[in-house]
Each structure stands twice: as C-alpha cells, then as structure tokens.
Amino acid sequence: DWGARLGYTPAMLAEVNRQAIALLEAVRSEYEPASAPVVISGCIGPRGDGYTADTTMNPNQAKAYHAIQVETFADT
C-alpha cells in the first residue's frame, strides 16, 4: 500500500529491493570475515500502518499481498 502511495509500481518496488540487496552484498563481500559469515535478511510488509492493526488478512490474502517482495528476495 505504501509503495503505491509513494508512486511506485510493483516492478519499481521489486527493483528497489534488488538494489538494496545488491548494496548489502557489496558491503558483505568487502567486509565479511571468514570467521563470521554475514547473512543478508529483509523485512516483509507491513500492510497499511504497521502500528495500527486495522487491515487484517487471512493467510491466503497475506501470501498474495507479500508474494512479489518474497519472490524478489528469494531470487537474489
């Protein structure tokens, strides 16, 4: 919901996520010590206002809503 409010299409949001992950991968490759592997993780969601639970979803709705972001993370 917030991406659309900011003028982002789903494809644009996916690209921003890919760019963010690429930045983290570059930092990791430069600074990761052999003795302490660095895991790259990402936050998914929330839908609407993360501090107000006014938009509830059932599991299937949540899966569909977050699928693009999850797939983008999984592809990197």
Protein backbone atom coordinates (compact mmCIF):
# COMPACT_ATOMS: atom_id res chain seq x y z
CA ASP A 1 0.00 0.00 0.00
CA TRP A 2 2.78 2.45 0.89
CA GLY A 3 4.68 1.84 -2.33
CA ALA A 4 1.67 2.85 -4.41
CA ARG A 5 1.12 5.93 -2.25
CA LEU A 6 4.71 6.94 -2.98
CA GLY A 7 4.23 6.42 -6.71
CA TYR A 8 5.98 3.05 -7.02
CA THR A 9 4.65 0.27 -9.23
CA PRO A 10 5.18 -3.34 -8.11
CA ALA A 11 8.01 -3.61 -10.66
CA MET A 12 9.65 -0.46 -9.30
CA LEU A 13 9.43 -1.79 -5.73
CA ALA A 14 11.00 -5.07 -6.81
CA GLU A 15 13.86 -3.15 -8.43
CA VAL A 16 14.42 -1.03 -5.31
CA ASN A 17 14.56 -4.23 -3.24
CA ARG A 18 17.07 -5.76 -5.69
CA GLN A 19 19.24 -2.63 -5.50
CA ALA A 20 19.16 -2.68 -1.70
CA ILE A 21 20.17 -6.34 -1.63
CA ALA A 22 22.96 -5.69 -4.15
CA LEU A 23 24.30 -2.94 -1.88
CA LEU A 24 24.28 -5.29 1.10
CA GLU A 25 26.03 -7.98 -0.95
CA ALA A 26 28.75 -5.49 -1.92
CA VAL A 27 29.27 -4.44 1.69
CA ARG A 28 29.35 -8.08 2.76
CA SER A 29 31.90 -9.04 0.12
CA GLU A 30 34.18 -6.21 1.22
CA TYR A 31 33.93 -6.60 4.99
CA GLU A 32 32.82 -10.16 5.79
CA PRO A 33 35.44 -12.02 7.84
CA ALA A 34 35.92 -15.71 7.12
CA SER A 35 35.22 -16.48 10.78
CA ALA A 36 31.81 -14.77 10.88
CA PRO A 37 29.60 -15.25 7.82
CA VAL A 38 27.18 -12.37 7.22
CA VAL A 39 23.57 -13.29 6.49
CA ILE A 40 21.50 -10.87 4.45
CA SER A 41 17.91 -10.65 5.58
CA GLY A 42 14.98 -8.42 4.77
CA CYS A 43 11.76 -7.26 6.33
CA ILE A 44 8.47 -8.09 4.66
CA GLY A 45 5.46 -5.81 4.99
CA PRO A 46 3.59 -4.47 6.80
CA ARG A 47 0.34 -3.73 5.05
CA GLY A 48 -1.10 -0.32 5.80
CA ASP A 49 0.02 1.28 9.04
CA GLY A 50 2.35 -1.11 10.83
CA TYR A 51 1.30 0.37 14.17
CA THR A 52 -2.46 0.03 13.67
CA ALA A 53 -3.99 -3.38 13.06
CA ASP A 54 -6.91 -2.05 11.04
CA THR A 55 -6.24 -4.18 7.94
CA THR A 56 -6.34 -7.88 8.67
CA MET A 57 -5.69 -10.59 6.11
CA ASN A 58 -6.25 -14.30 6.10
CA PRO A 59 -3.24 -16.47 5.21
CA ASN A 60 -4.11 -16.63 1.50
CA GLN A 61 -4.54 -12.87 1.27
CA ALA A 62 -1.23 -12.31 3.08
CA LYS A 63 0.52 -14.76 0.75
CA ALA A 64 -0.81 -12.95 -2.33
CA TYR A 65 -0.09 -9.49 -0.92
CA HIS A 66 3.53 -10.22 0.05
CA ALA A 67 4.38 -12.59 -2.83
CA ILE A 68 6.20 -10.05 -5.02
CA GLN A 69 8.51 -8.96 -2.22
CA VAL A 70 9.16 -12.53 -1.05
CA GLU A 71 9.91 -13.65 -4.62
CA THR A 72 12.26 -10.71 -5.14
CA PHE A 73 14.23 -11.61 -2.01
CA ALA A 74 14.27 -15.28 -2.97
CA ASP A 75 15.63 -14.50 -6.45
CA THR A 76 18.69 -12.70 -5.10
